[in-house]
C-alpha atoms as a PDB file:
ATOM      1  CA  MET A   1     -24.252   5.543  -6.080  1.00  0.00           C
ATOM      2  CA  ASN A   2     -23.790   9.064  -4.788  1.00  0.00           C
ATOM      3  CA  ASP A   3     -20.345  10.629  -4.407  1.00  0.00           C
ATOM      4  CA  LYS A   4     -20.467  10.467  -0.608  1.00  0.00           C
ATOM      5  CA  ARG A   5     -21.096   6.720  -0.619  1.00  0.00           C
ATOM      6  CA  PHE A   6     -18.413   6.106  -3.233  1.00  0.00           C
ATOM      7  CA  SER A   7     -16.003   8.220  -1.197  1.00  0.00           C
ATOM      8  CA  PHE A   8     -16.744   6.117   1.914  1.00  0.00           C
ATOM      9  CA  TRP A   9     -15.880   2.876   0.105  1.00  0.00           C
ATOM     10  CA  GLN A  10     -12.856   4.390  -1.612  1.00  0.00           C
ATOM     11  CA  LYS A  11     -11.506   5.557   1.772  1.00  0.00           C
ATOM     12  CA  TRP A  12     -12.258   2.123   3.269  1.00  0.00           C
ATOM     13  CA  LEU A  13     -10.156   0.644   0.482  1.00  0.00           C
ATOM     14  CA  THR A  14      -7.303   3.057   1.190  1.00  0.00           C
ATOM     15  CA  TYR A  15      -7.393   2.529   4.958  1.00  0.00           C
ATOM     16  CA  ALA A  16      -7.679  -1.266   4.643  1.00  0.00           C
ATOM     17  CA  ASN A  17      -4.523  -1.238   2.543  1.00  0.00           C
ATOM     18  CA  ILE A  18      -2.764   1.120   4.964  1.00  0.00           C
ATOM     19  CA  MET A  19      -3.651  -1.269   7.781  1.00  0.00           C
ATOM     20  CA  THR A  20      -2.266  -4.141   5.729  1.00  0.00           C
ATOM     21  CA  ILE A  21       0.966  -2.196   5.229  1.00  0.00           C
ATOM     22  CA  GLY A  22       1.201  -2.136   9.026  1.00  0.00           C
ATOM     23  CA  VAL A  23       0.683  -5.901   9.113  1.00  0.00           C
ATOM     24  CA  GLY A  24       3.447  -6.287   6.526  1.00  0.00           C
ATOM     25  CA  VAL A  25       5.839  -4.286   8.690  1.00  0.00           C
ATOM     26  CA  LEU A  26       4.936  -6.489  11.665  1.00  0.00           C
ATOM     27  CA  VAL A  27       5.465  -9.639   9.590  1.00  0.00           C
ATOM     28  CA  ALA A  28       8.894  -8.390   8.533  1.00  0.00           C
ATOM     29  CA  PHE A  29      10.114  -7.184  11.917  1.00  0.00           C
ATOM     30  CA  ALA A  30       7.978  -8.888  14.578  1.00  0.00           C
ATOM     31  CA  GLY A  31       7.148 -12.288  13.106  1.00  0.00           C
ATOM     32  CA  ASN A  32       7.945 -14.017  16.389  1.00  0.00           C
ATOM     33  CA  SER A  33       5.892 -11.658  18.552  1.00  0.00           C
ATOM     34  CA  ILE A  34       2.600 -12.386  20.281  1.00  0.00           C
ATOM     35  CA  VAL A  35       0.833 -10.889  17.243  1.00  0.00           C
ATOM     36  CA  PHE A  36       1.739 -13.985  15.199  1.00  0.00           C
ATOM     37  CA  GLU A  37       1.747 -16.539  18.024  1.00  0.00           C
ATOM     38  CA  LEU A  38      -1.335 -18.378  16.728  1.00  0.00           C
ATOM     39  CA  HIS A  39       0.005 -18.478  13.162  1.00  0.00           C
ATOM     40  CA  ASN A  40       3.416 -19.682  14.358  1.00  0.00           C
ATOM     41  CA  GLU A  41       1.871 -22.386  16.571  1.00  0.00           C
ATOM     42  CA  TYR A  42      -0.189 -23.744  13.689  1.00  0.00           C
ATOM     43  CA  THR A  43       2.872 -23.629  11.424  1.00  0.00           C
ATOM     44  CA  LYS A  44       4.839 -25.689  13.977  1.00  0.00           C
ATOM     45  CA  GLU A  45       1.962 -28.164  14.181  1.00  0.00           C
ATOM     46  CA  VAL A  46       1.632 -28.567  10.403  1.00  0.00           C
ATOM     47  CA  PHE A  47       5.322 -28.710   9.488  1.00  0.00           C
ATOM     48  CA  PHE A  48       7.189 -29.720  12.662  1.00  0.00           C
ATOM     49  CA  SER A  49       4.771 -31.934  14.609  1.00  0.00           C
ATOM     50  CA  ALA A  50       4.340 -29.118  17.151  1.00  0.00           C
ATOM     51  CA  SER A  51       7.990 -29.149  18.193  1.00  0.00           C
ATOM     52  CA  GLU A  52       9.823 -25.872  18.617  1.00  0.00           C
ATOM     53  CA  PHE A  53      11.696 -24.325  15.689  1.00  0.00           C
ATOM     54  CA  ASN A  54      15.367 -25.189  15.921  1.00  0.00           C
ATOM     55  CA  PRO A  55      17.718 -22.196  15.484  1.00  0.00           C
ATOM     56  CA  ASP A  56      18.380 -22.883  11.791  1.00  0.00           C
ATOM     57  CA  VAL A  57      14.678 -23.244  10.994  1.00  0.00           C
ATOM     58  CA  LEU A  58      13.890 -20.115  13.015  1.00  0.00           C
ATOM     59  CA  ASN A  59      16.501 -18.180  11.003  1.00  0.00           C
ATOM     60  CA  LEU A  60      14.942 -19.443   7.756  1.00  0.00           C
ATOM     61  CA  LYS A  61      11.444 -18.533   8.992  1.00  0.00           C
ATOM     62  CA  ASN A  62      12.598 -15.058  10.033  1.00  0.00           C
ATOM     63  CA  TRP A  63      14.258 -14.500   6.659  1.00  0.00           C
ATOM     64  CA  LEU A  64      11.121 -15.667   4.814  1.00  0.00           C
ATOM     65  CA  PHE A  65       8.894 -13.496   7.002  1.00  0.00           C
ATOM     66  CA  GLY A  66      11.207 -10.570   6.261  1.00  0.00           C
ATOM     67  CA  ILE A  67      10.881 -10.885   2.517  1.00  0.00           C
ATOM     68  CA  ILE A  68       7.171 -11.727   2.717  1.00  0.00           C
ATOM     69  CA  GLY A  69       6.605  -8.672   4.911  1.00  0.00           C
ATOM     70  CA  GLY A  70       8.486  -6.489   2.445  1.00  0.00           C
ATOM     71  CA  THR A  71       6.384  -7.836  -0.402  1.00  0.00           C
ATOM     72  CA  ILE A  72       3.170  -7.174   1.540  1.00  0.00           C
ATOM     73  CA  VAL A  73       4.283  -3.595   2.214  1.00  0.00           C
ATOM     74  CA  GLY A  74       5.192  -2.940  -1.425  1.00  0.00           C
ATOM     75  CA  PHE A  75       1.995  -4.473  -2.840  1.00  0.00           C
ATOM     76  CA  HIS A  76      -0.255  -2.520  -0.504  1.00  0.00           C
ATOM     77  CA  ILE A  77       1.575   0.775  -0.999  1.00  0.00           C
ATOM     78  CA  LEU A  78       0.794   0.301  -4.679  1.00  0.00           C
ATOM     79  CA  MET A  79      -2.851  -0.436  -3.810  1.00  0.00           C
ATOM     80  CA  VAL A  80      -3.041   2.766  -1.710  1.00  0.00           C
ATOM     81  CA  MET A  81      -1.575   4.809  -4.553  1.00  0.00           C
ATOM     82  CA  ILE A  82      -4.104   3.365  -7.009  1.00  0.00           C
ATOM     83  CA  SER A  83      -6.974   3.890  -4.569  1.00  0.00           C
ATOM     84  CA  GLU A  84      -6.041   7.500  -3.875  1.00  0.00           C
ATOM     85  CA  ASN A  85      -5.563   8.407  -7.524  1.00  0.00           C
ATOM     86  CA  ALA A  86      -6.979   6.425 -10.448  1.00  0.00           C
ATOM     87  CA  PHE A  87      -9.586   4.511  -8.418  1.00  0.00           C
ATOM     88  CA  LYS A  88     -10.765   7.735  -6.764  1.00  0.00           C
ATOM     89  CA  ASN A  89     -11.138   9.195 -10.275  1.00  0.00           C
ATOM     90  CA  LYS A  90     -13.159   6.103 -11.265  1.00  0.00           C
ATOM     91  CA  GLU A  91     -10.727   4.940 -13.913  1.00  0.00           C
ATOM     92  CA  TYR A  92     -11.804   1.444 -14.945  1.00  0.00           C
ATOM     93  CA  TRP A  93      -8.273   0.078 -15.276  1.00  0.00           C
ATOM     94  CA  ALA A  94      -7.672   0.835 -11.580  1.00  0.00           C
ATOM     95  CA  TYR A  95     -10.714  -1.168 -10.529  1.00  0.00           C
ATOM     96  CA  LYS A  96      -9.626  -4.127 -12.652  1.00  0.00           C
ATOM     97  CA  ALA A  97      -6.000  -3.881 -11.490  1.00  0.00           C
ATOM     98  CA  MET A  98      -7.033  -3.990  -7.851  1.00  0.00           C
ATOM     99  CA  TRP A  99      -9.209  -7.053  -8.399  1.00  0.00           C
ATOM    100  CA  PHE A 100      -6.574  -8.848 -10.490  1.00  0.00           C
ATOM    101  CA  GLY A 101      -3.854  -8.110  -7.948  1.00  0.00           C
ATOM    102  CA  LEU A 102      -5.987  -9.177  -5.006  1.00  0.00           C
ATOM    103  CA  LEU A 103      -7.342 -12.338  -6.618  1.00  0.00           C
ATOM    104  CA  SER A 104      -4.045 -13.482  -8.112  1.00  0.00           C
ATOM    105  CA  TRP A 105      -2.383 -13.168  -4.699  1.00  0.00           C
ATOM    106  CA  PHE A 106      -5.307 -14.874  -2.941  1.00  0.00           C
ATOM    107  CA  CYS A 107      -5.508 -17.825  -5.349  1.00  0.00           C
ATOM    108  CA  ILE A 108      -1.771 -18.511  -5.502  1.00  0.00           C
ATOM    109  CA  ASP A 109      -1.114 -18.014  -1.788  1.00  0.00           C
ATOM    110  CA  SER A 110      -4.215 -19.947  -0.701  1.00  0.00           C
ATOM    111  CA  GLY A 111      -3.664 -22.736  -3.228  1.00  0.00           C
ATOM    112  CA  ILE A 112      -0.099 -23.311  -2.081  1.00  0.00           C
ATOM    113  CA  SER A 113      -1.148 -23.083   1.566  1.00  0.00           C
ATOM    114  CA  ILE A 114      -3.894 -25.671   1.041  1.00  0.00           C
ATOM    115  CA  TYR A 115      -1.545 -27.951  -0.916  1.00  0.00           C
ATOM    116  CA  TYR A 116       0.901 -28.005   1.996  1.00  0.00           C
ATOM    117  CA  GLY A 117      -1.811 -28.335   4.632  1.00  0.00           C
ATOM    118  CA  ALA A 118      -1.359 -24.819   6.026  1.00  0.00           C
ATOM    119  CA  ILE A 119      -5.080 -24.099   6.108  1.00  0.00           C
ATOM    120  CA  HIS A 120      -4.458 -21.768   9.050  1.00  0.00           C
ATOM    121  CA  ASN A 121      -2.759 -19.293   6.703  1.00  0.00           C
ATOM    122  CA  VAL A 122      -5.854 -19.192   4.495  1.00  0.00           C
ATOM    123  CA  VAL A 123      -8.211 -18.719   7.447  1.00  0.00           C
ATOM    124  CA  ILE A 124      -6.178 -16.349   9.648  1.00  0.00           C
ATOM    125  CA  ILE A 125      -4.619 -14.178   6.938  1.00  0.00           C
ATOM    126  CA  ASN A 126      -5.944 -14.655   3.415  1.00  0.00           C
ATOM    127  CA  ILE A 127      -9.713 -14.722   3.887  1.00  0.00           C
ATOM    128  CA  VAL A 128      -9.548 -11.745   6.246  1.00  0.00           C
ATOM    129  CA  ALA A 129      -7.578  -9.697   3.696  1.00  0.00           C
ATOM    130  CA  LEU A 130      -9.823 -10.802   0.814  1.00  0.00           C
ATOM    131  CA  ILE A 131     -12.941  -9.687   2.679  1.00  0.00           C
ATOM    132  CA  LEU A 132     -11.427  -6.460   4.016  1.00  0.00           C
ATOM    133  CA  ILE A 133     -10.240  -5.316   0.580  1.00  0.00           C
ATOM    134  CA  GLY A 134     -12.896  -7.085  -1.513  1.00  0.00           C
ATOM    135  CA  ILE A 135     -15.904  -5.453   0.176  1.00  0.00           C
ATOM    136  CA  PRO A 136     -15.206  -1.919  -1.116  1.00  0.00           C
ATOM    137  CA  LEU A 137     -14.441  -3.323  -4.558  1.00  0.00           C
ATOM    138  CA  VAL A 138     -17.787  -5.125  -4.636  1.00  0.00           C
ATOM    139  CA  MET A 139     -19.617  -2.093  -3.253  1.00  0.00           C
ATOM    140  CA  THR A 140     -18.202   0.240  -5.932  1.00  0.00           C
ATOM    141  CA  ARG A 141     -18.509  -2.072  -8.950  1.00  0.00           C
ATOM    142  CA  ASN A 142     -21.380  -0.138 -10.524  1.00  0.00           C
ATOM    143  CA  GLU A 143     -19.266   3.029 -10.628  1.00  0.00           C
ATOM    144  CA  PHE A 144     -16.877   1.335 -13.059  1.00  0.00           C
ATOM    145  CA  LYS A 145     -19.285  -0.200 -15.565  1.00  0.00           C
ATOM    146  CA  LYS A 146     -18.633   0.965 -19.086  1.00  0.00           C
END
């Protein structure tokens, strides 16, 4: 792979993670907005038989979205820093770390979501993020072979 092509995929990786940081901020501070309306409606359907969140449940949901959003932001800031430094320099540990971080999150989050019947979380959030961040990792794999 030439340097220009590698640079394209490396920048895709950085920008995908920056975009995900933005999603994390929205999750934390705008979890009840129109942006998450579909996710919230499916959550009500799965866990509350489509009835509205009562005030106590809404407070719990908002608190959980706040800490989940903060975790998303922190994880993806770390991914940006790796992408812009060690990954850009083609350090093998960075490639592995990004895959391990992405796949461990995806498997745990998706497994728990499936267990509780929240398939919508896997489809709307997890698969999109896996593809968006996984594509540049797949496309650059040959640059990191020992």
